Amino acid sequence: MSLPTTMKAVVIDGDKPVIREVPLPKLEDGCFLVKTKAIAGNPTDWKHIAFKIGPQGSIIGCDVAGDIIKLGPNVDTNSFKVGDKVFGLAHGGSVRMPTNGGFAEYVCLDSKIVYPCPPNTTLSGDNSRPEGVLSTYEDCATFPVSLTTAGVALSHNLGNKLEWEPKEPQHNFPILLWGGATAIGQPLIQLAKKLHGYSKIVVVASRKHEAQLKAYGADELFDYHDADVIDQIKAKYPNIQHLIDCVSNAETIQQVYKCASETEPATVLQLSIYSIKDIKPEDRRDNVKVAGTLLYMAGGHEVPFGSITLPKDLGYRADTIKFVEFISPKLLAGEIHHIPVKIYHGLEGAVQITDDIKNGRNSGEKLVSVL
């Protein structure tokens, strides 16, 4: 099929996202071009604008589901062909590749970090979708960033083996997931359960999400609205050695750090660029380290990212590819559920999603727009 030379996309213009006509992205080695069917929003989208991480004119957005329409050089043709339905992630607001991002009519995706949609995938035509097994483009668009981050966090960063439902826990201590109802928290709970990574899965979230999160595998929920929530957690679980801050803001990183074991070596994993320097000096402890994971490193390139540059890390890329290969058949088999979905329309919907997430107008659901 003949392709247009331009497309509509959401780009950074000053301090806001706007829709512009732009050239199609260039196909890099090992990548293919996808005609977008659905996109989903993430906090990183608005942060790339507000914190001036993304260059002016760059396309924002990461989560994409759609159809392959052109293969780039060195794509494995035994695995992919034109017409395949896939979902994957782009680095929206990228310094290295500003002409590619998820909030666009066409997107270039890395063929090594992409998931197959169910064969009969279509758009649902609904305004919302309950949690459940993948069956539509909207469902698929919820997963690339959140599920892949969850898998890499548990395996690459925290050392869990990719073994499905082992009899014994991989670690004889609980894990704490602060922000259990977030887009990453919900797949994290499911994965931690299926990998049997820990003796207990302890989550912090609003009480209204308790039934769903326990259905996913959480053992106990603490409500972050409680003024003494940290004291509650430490009183019952004094031996937490792995903690993931699924919210990762200046307040939550302090709260999560305080929940770590007082005596055993512990790791607080955050999803931004916080470090031990961001913990109040009076709270810092020698046994508790702050680590981070950012999926932008999965491309295997050095990544300029605001005030820092993420190093080229081929081990991170290899573990990301390993996870995608491991989990893909389990997704198709319905072993992991997508979270509830609220559906918008068009690139105008993508702009609205960016603003809604920035202003906290979402809770326990993924915001998706169909194109």
Protein backbone atom coordinates (compact mmCIF):
# COMPACT_ATOMS: atom_id res chain seq x y z
CA MET A 1 0.00 0.00 0.00
CA SER A 2 1.16 3.55 -0.63
CA LEU A 3 1.76 5.59 2.50
CA PRO A 4 1.15 9.30 3.02
CA THR A 5 4.19 11.51 3.55
CA THR A 6 2.62 13.32 6.51
CA MET A 7 0.38 12.47 9.43
CA LYS A 8 -1.36 14.09 12.37
CA ALA A 9 0.34 13.81 15.75
CA VAL A 10 0.34 15.39 19.22
CA VAL A 11 3.53 17.43 19.68
CA ILE A 12 5.03 19.68 22.33
CA ASP A 13 4.33 23.35 21.63
CA GLY A 14 5.61 25.57 24.43
CA ASP A 15 4.10 24.19 27.63
CA LYS A 16 1.20 22.28 26.09
CA PRO A 17 0.38 19.40 23.73
CA VAL A 18 -1.10 20.36 20.35
CA ILE A 19 -2.12 18.49 17.19
CA ARG A 20 0.07 19.19 14.16
CA GLU A 21 0.70 17.79 10.69
CA VAL A 22 4.18 16.22 10.69
CA PRO A 23 6.27 13.82 8.55
CA LEU A 24 5.97 10.07 9.11
CA PRO A 25 8.70 8.68 11.38
CA LYS A 26 11.78 7.10 9.82
CA LEU A 27 11.97 3.32 10.16
CA GLU A 28 15.02 2.35 12.19
CA ASP A 29 16.83 -0.97 12.05
CA GLY A 30 14.75 -3.79 13.56
CA CYS A 31 11.58 -1.68 13.67
CA PHE A 32 8.27 -1.61 11.82
CA LEU A 33 5.64 0.99 11.09
CA VAL A 34 2.25 0.62 12.75
CA LYS A 35 -1.04 2.25 11.79
CA THR A 36 -2.38 3.33 15.16
CA LYS A 37 -5.74 2.00 16.35
CA ALA A 38 -5.58 2.93 20.04
CA ILE A 39 -3.23 4.82 22.36
CA ALA A 40 -3.08 5.12 26.14
CA GLY A 41 -1.81 7.84 28.44
CA ASN A 42 0.87 7.73 31.13
CA PRO A 43 2.16 10.33 33.61
CA THR A 44 5.41 10.51 31.65
CA ASP A 45 3.50 12.14 28.75
CA TRP A 46 2.70 15.36 30.60
CA LYS A 47 5.98 15.24 32.54
CA HIS A 48 7.94 15.35 29.28
CA ILE A 49 6.24 18.68 28.62
CA ALA A 50 6.12 20.21 32.10
CA PHE A 51 9.70 19.28 33.06
CA LYS A 52 11.06 20.15 29.59
CA ILE A 53 12.37 16.62 29.01
CA GLY A 54 11.01 16.45 25.47
CA PRO A 55 12.25 18.90 22.82
CA GLN A 56 9.88 21.38 21.23
CA GLY A 57 7.98 19.85 18.33
CA SER A 58 8.59 16.27 19.45
CA ILE A 59 5.72 13.78 19.41
CA ILE A 60 4.57 12.61 22.84
CA GLY A 61 2.92 9.34 23.90
CA CYS A 62 4.19 5.84 24.58
CA ASP A 63 1.43 3.18 24.61
CA VAL A 64 0.22 2.04 21.18
CA ALA A 65 -1.88 -0.75 19.63
CA GLY A 66 -2.38 -1.11 15.90
CA ASP A 67 -1.56 -2.93 12.66
CA ILE A 68 1.84 -3.42 11.04
CA ILE A 69 1.87 -1.75 7.63
CA LYS A 70 5.60 -1.73 6.75
CA LEU A 71 8.63 -3.71 7.93
CA GLY A 72 11.94 -1.95 8.45
CA PRO A 73 15.38 -3.47 7.85
CA ASN A 74 16.35 -6.59 9.81
CA VAL A 75 12.91 -7.37 11.22
CA ASP A 76 12.44 -11.12 11.78
CA THR A 77 9.94 -12.03 9.06
CA ASN A 78 9.33 -15.40 10.74
CA SER A 79 7.84 -13.49 13.67
CA PHE A 80 6.13 -10.53 12.01
CA LYS A 81 4.43 -9.67 8.74
CA VAL A 82 2.43 -6.78 7.32
CA GLY A 83 -1.11 -6.98 8.66
CA ASP A 84 -0.19 -8.37 12.09
CA LYS A 85 -1.95 -6.76 15.04
CA VAL A 86 0.47 -5.71 17.78
CA PHE A 87 0.92 -3.46 20.79
CA GLY A 88 4.10 -1.88 22.01
CA LEU A 89 5.79 1.26 23.27
CA ALA A 90 7.51 4.26 21.79
CA HIS A 91 9.59 6.88 23.58
CA GLY A 92 7.37 9.91 23.23
CA GLY A 93 9.15 13.24 23.62
CA SER A 94 12.48 11.68 22.70
CA VAL A 95 15.59 13.77 22.13
CA ARG A 96 17.14 11.03 19.99
CA MET A 97 14.05 10.42 17.84
CA PRO A 98 11.66 13.39 18.24
CA THR A 99 9.69 12.49 15.09
CA ASN A 100 8.37 9.27 16.66
CA GLY A 101 5.85 8.97 19.47
CA GLY A 102 2.71 7.12 20.42
CA PHE A 103 0.17 9.92 19.98
CA ALA A 104 0.26 9.81 16.19
CA GLU A 105 -1.50 8.18 13.25
CA TYR A 106 1.63 6.13 12.49
CA VAL A 107 4.28 4.91 14.94
CA CYS A 108 7.64 3.19 14.60
CA LEU A 109 7.92 0.28 17.09
CA ASP A 110 10.92 -1.82 18.12
CA SER A 111 10.09 -5.35 16.93
CA LYS A 112 11.98 -6.91 19.84
CA ILE A 113 9.79 -5.20 22.45
CA VAL A 114 6.31 -5.70 21.04
CA TYR A 115 3.41 -7.99 21.89
CA PRO A 116 0.98 -9.83 19.59
CA CYS A 117 -2.69 -8.91 19.89
CA PRO A 118 -5.25 -11.74 19.92
CA PRO A 119 -5.95 -12.73 16.28
CA ASN A 120 -9.50 -11.35 16.14
CA THR A 121 -8.75 -8.05 17.85
CA THR A 122 -11.02 -5.14 16.87
CA LEU A 123 -12.04 -1.80 18.33
CA SER A 124 -14.81 -2.31 20.86
CA GLY A 125 -16.95 0.73 20.06
CA ASP A 126 -17.52 1.08 23.83
CA ASN A 127 -17.07 4.11 26.08
CA SER A 128 -15.46 1.98 28.77
CA ARG A 129 -14.15 -1.54 29.32
CA PRO A 130 -14.20 -3.56 32.55
CA GLU A 131 -11.00 -5.31 33.61
CA GLY A 132 -10.49 -8.64 31.93
CA VAL A 133 -8.80 -10.73 29.24
CA LEU A 134 -7.36 -8.98 26.17
CA SER A 135 -9.77 -8.90 23.24
CA THR A 136 -9.77 -5.36 21.76
CA TYR A 137 -7.26 -2.72 20.68
CA GLU A 138 -8.32 -0.62 23.66
CA ASP A 139 -7.46 -3.47 26.04
CA CYS A 140 -4.08 -4.00 24.37
CA ALA A 141 -3.14 -0.31 24.53
CA THR A 142 -3.30 -0.43 28.35
CA PHE A 143 -0.33 -2.75 28.65
CA PRO A 144 2.96 -1.77 26.93
CA VAL A 145 4.45 0.64 29.47
CA SER A 146 2.79 -0.68 32.63
CA LEU A 147 3.20 -4.42 32.11
CA THR A 148 6.71 -4.20 30.68
CA THR A 149 7.84 -1.91 33.51
CA ALA A 150 6.32 -4.31 36.04
CA GLY A 151 8.09 -7.30 34.50
CA VAL A 152 11.47 -5.60 34.26
CA ALA A 153 11.16 -4.24 37.81
CA LEU A 154 10.51 -7.68 39.27
CA SER A 155 13.04 -9.59 37.16
CA HIS A 156 15.90 -7.29 36.13
CA ASN A 157 15.83 -4.94 39.13
CA LEU A 158 14.69 -7.18 41.99
CA GLY A 159 16.04 -10.53 40.83
CA ASN A 160 12.88 -12.61 40.50
CA LYS A 161 13.18 -15.54 38.12
CA LEU A 162 10.67 -15.74 35.27
CA GLU A 163 9.00 -18.91 36.55
CA TRP A 164 5.22 -19.30 36.41
CA GLU A 165 3.48 -20.26 39.64
CA PRO A 166 6.37 -21.96 41.46
CA LYS A 167 5.33 -23.77 44.62
CA GLU A 168 7.62 -21.88 47.01
CA PRO A 169 8.06 -18.10 47.22
CA GLN A 170 11.21 -16.79 45.59
CA HIS A 171 11.80 -14.44 48.53
CA ASN A 172 10.85 -15.24 52.11
CA PHE A 173 9.76 -11.71 52.88
CA PRO A 174 6.87 -9.48 51.73
CA ILE A 175 6.96 -6.90 48.95
CA LEU A 176 5.34 -3.49 49.35
CA LEU A 177 3.66 -1.89 46.33
CA TRP A 178 2.79 1.74 47.07
CA GLY A 179 0.13 2.77 44.56
CA GLY A 180 -1.40 -0.64 44.04
CA ALA A 181 -4.35 0.68 42.02
CA THR A 182 -2.18 2.61 39.55
CA ALA A 183 -1.75 1.46 35.96
CA ILE A 184 1.54 -0.20 36.88
CA GLY A 185 0.44 -1.34 40.34
CA GLN A 186 -2.35 -3.58 39.07
CA PRO A 187 -0.20 -5.67 36.67
CA LEU A 188 2.58 -5.68 39.28
CA ILE A 189 0.28 -7.38 41.78
CA GLN A 190 -0.71 -10.00 39.20
CA LEU A 191 2.88 -10.68 38.15
CA ALA A 192 4.22 -10.84 41.70
CA LYS A 193 1.48 -13.39 42.44
CA LYS A 194 2.06 -15.52 39.33
CA LEU A 195 5.83 -15.51 39.82
CA HIS A 196 5.30 -16.27 43.52
CA GLY A 197 7.99 -13.73 44.17
CA TYR A 198 7.23 -13.05 47.85
CA SER A 199 5.74 -14.43 51.03
CA LYS A 200 3.11 -11.66 50.97
CA ILE A 201 2.02 -8.93 48.56
CA VAL A 202 1.26 -5.82 50.59
CA VAL A 203 -0.27 -2.85 48.77
CA VAL A 204 -1.04 0.76 49.57
CA ALA A 205 -4.09 2.17 47.79
CA SER A 206 -7.51 3.65 48.41
CA ARG A 207 -9.80 1.29 50.29
CA LYS A 208 -12.31 1.47 47.41
CA HIS A 209 -9.98 -0.66 45.29
CA GLU A 210 -9.49 -3.40 47.90
CA ALA A 211 -11.75 -6.08 46.38
CA GLN A 212 -10.19 -5.81 42.91
CA LEU A 213 -6.59 -5.72 44.12
CA LYS A 214 -7.12 -8.73 46.36
CA ALA A 215 -8.69 -10.55 43.42
CA TYR A 216 -5.44 -9.88 41.53
CA GLY A 217 -3.39 -11.38 44.35
CA ALA A 218 -2.78 -8.71 47.00
CA ASP A 219 -2.72 -10.17 50.51
CA GLU A 220 -3.33 -6.97 52.44
CA LEU A 221 -4.22 -3.37 51.63
CA PHE A 222 -3.36 -0.30 53.64
CA ASP A 223 -5.17 2.95 52.83
CA TYR A 224 -2.85 5.88 52.11
CA HIS A 225 -5.55 8.23 53.40
CA ASP A 226 -4.83 7.03 56.96
CA ALA A 227 -2.51 9.50 58.71
CA ASP A 228 -0.68 6.65 60.44
CA VAL A 229 -0.43 4.37 57.40
CA ILE A 230 3.37 4.03 57.66
CA ASP A 231 3.15 3.07 61.33
CA GLN A 232 0.44 0.51 60.49
CA ILE A 233 2.63 -1.10 57.83
CA LYS A 234 5.79 -1.21 59.95
CA ALA A 235 3.95 -2.65 62.94
CA LYS A 236 2.64 -5.61 60.95
CA TYR A 237 5.43 -6.00 58.37
CA PRO A 238 8.77 -4.93 59.89
CA ASN A 239 10.78 -7.06 57.44
CA ILE A 240 9.95 -5.59 54.02
CA GLN A 241 13.09 -5.71 51.87
CA HIS A 242 11.65 -4.98 48.40
CA LEU A 243 9.47 -1.90 47.94
CA ILE A 244 8.18 -0.40 44.69
CA ASP A 245 6.90 3.17 44.56
CA CYS A 246 4.34 2.99 41.76
CA VAL A 247 3.52 6.68 42.17
CA SER A 248 7.09 7.99 42.42
CA ASN A 249 6.67 11.60 43.41
CA ALA A 250 8.56 13.70 45.94
CA GLU A 251 6.16 12.75 48.75
CA THR A 252 5.70 9.04 48.10
CA ILE A 253 9.41 8.26 47.79
CA GLN A 254 9.85 9.48 51.39
CA GLN A 255 6.87 7.45 52.60
CA VAL A 256 7.95 4.24 50.88
CA TYR A 257 11.51 4.58 52.17
CA LYS A 258 10.25 4.76 55.75
CA CYS A 259 8.47 1.41 55.33
CA ALA A 260 11.67 -0.53 54.61
CA SER A 261 13.16 -2.99 57.07
CA GLU A 262 15.18 -1.38 59.85
CA THR A 263 17.74 -4.17 59.95
CA GLU A 264 17.85 -6.18 56.68
CA PRO A 265 19.23 -4.94 53.34
CA ALA A 266 16.33 -3.31 51.47
CA THR A 267 15.73 -1.79 48.05
CA VAL A 268 13.25 0.97 47.27
CA LEU A 269 12.57 0.91 43.53
CA GLN A 270 11.14 4.10 42.02
CA LEU A 271 10.00 4.86 38.47
CA SER A 272 11.57 8.29 38.02
CA ILE A 273 15.02 9.74 38.62
CA TYR A 274 14.97 10.00 42.41
CA SER A 275 18.00 8.84 44.39
CA ILE A 276 19.13 8.54 47.99
CA LYS A 277 19.92 12.28 47.81
CA ASP A 278 16.18 12.93 47.61
CA ILE A 279 15.55 11.20 50.96
CA LYS A 280 15.62 13.52 53.95
CA PRO A 281 19.07 13.19 55.59
CA GLU A 282 17.57 12.33 58.97
CA ASP A 283 15.67 9.38 57.44
CA ARG A 284 18.53 7.83 55.45
CA ARG A 285 19.76 4.41 56.56
CA ASP A 286 22.80 2.45 55.40
CA ASN A 287 20.75 -0.72 54.85
CA VAL A 288 18.19 0.88 52.49
CA LYS A 289 19.13 1.85 48.94
CA VAL A 290 17.09 3.73 46.34
CA ALA A 291 17.17 2.29 42.84
CA GLY A 292 15.28 3.14 39.67
CA THR A 293 13.95 1.66 36.47
CA LEU A 294 13.01 3.57 33.31
CA LEU A 295 11.87 1.62 30.26
CA TYR A 296 13.48 4.13 27.91
CA MET A 297 16.69 2.17 28.53
CA ALA A 298 15.16 -0.90 26.84
CA GLY A 299 16.07 0.50 23.41
CA GLY A 300 19.74 -0.22 24.02
CA HIS A 301 20.76 3.41 23.39
CA GLU A 302 22.12 6.20 25.54
CA VAL A 303 19.06 8.32 26.42
CA PRO A 304 19.22 12.08 27.14
CA PHE A 305 16.53 12.57 29.81
CA GLY A 306 16.17 16.03 31.23
CA SER A 307 19.12 16.89 33.44
CA ILE A 308 20.66 13.41 33.17
CA THR A 309 21.63 10.93 30.49
CA LEU A 310 20.54 7.32 30.95
CA PRO A 311 23.47 5.07 30.01
CA LYS A 312 23.40 2.50 27.25
CA ASP A 313 22.56 -0.77 29.03
CA LEU A 314 22.41 -3.86 26.83
CA GLY A 315 21.70 -6.06 29.86
CA TYR A 316 18.56 -4.04 30.57
CA ARG A 317 17.52 -4.44 26.94
CA ALA A 318 18.18 -8.19 27.00
CA ASP A 319 16.10 -8.68 30.14
CA THR A 320 13.26 -6.59 28.69
CA ILE A 321 13.21 -8.73 25.52
CA LYS A 322 13.32 -11.87 27.65
CA PHE A 323 10.30 -10.72 29.66
CA VAL A 324 8.27 -9.81 26.56
CA GLU A 325 8.93 -13.25 25.07
CA PHE A 326 8.05 -14.93 28.38
CA ILE A 327 4.79 -13.10 29.06
CA SER A 328 3.32 -12.81 25.55
CA PRO A 329 1.75 -16.31 25.39
CA LYS A 330 0.43 -15.91 28.92
CA LEU A 331 -1.31 -12.68 27.96
CA LEU A 332 -2.97 -14.39 25.01
CA ALA A 333 -4.04 -17.21 27.33
CA GLY A 334 -5.74 -14.72 29.67
CA GLU A 335 -3.35 -15.29 32.58
CA ILE A 336 -2.91 -11.55 33.16
CA HIS A 337 -5.87 -9.16 32.98
CA HIS A 338 -5.89 -5.61 31.69
CA ILE A 339 -7.19 -2.98 34.07
CA PRO A 340 -10.48 -1.05 33.61
CA VAL A 341 -10.46 1.30 30.62
CA LYS A 342 -12.05 4.70 30.01
CA ILE A 343 -12.26 5.42 26.27
CA TYR A 344 -11.75 8.74 24.46
CA HIS A 345 -11.70 9.50 20.74
CA GLY A 346 -9.10 10.77 18.30
CA LEU A 347 -5.91 12.70 18.88
CA GLU A 348 -8.11 15.29 20.58
CA GLY A 349 -8.79 12.54 23.10
CA ALA A 350 -5.06 12.03 23.56
CA VAL A 351 -4.65 15.72 24.38
CA GLN A 352 -7.48 15.49 26.92
CA ILE A 353 -6.02 12.31 28.44
CA THR A 354 -2.70 14.09 28.98
CA ASP A 355 -4.47 16.86 30.88
CA ASP A 356 -6.71 14.47 32.84
CA ILE A 357 -3.74 12.42 34.08
CA LYS A 358 -1.78 15.58 34.95
CA ASN A 359 -4.68 16.82 37.05
CA GLY A 360 -5.51 13.50 38.73
CA ARG A 361 -8.81 12.89 36.97
CA ASN A 362 -8.26 9.14 36.88
CA SER A 363 -8.34 6.45 39.53
CA GLY A 364 -7.83 2.73 39.08
CA GLU A 365 -8.33 2.87 35.30
CA LYS A 366 -6.35 3.37 32.10
CA LEU A 367 -7.27 6.26 29.82
CA VAL A 368 -7.30 5.16 26.16
CA SER A 369 -8.17 7.00 22.94
CA VAL A 370 -9.15 5.28 19.70
CA LEU A 371 -8.07 6.58 16.31
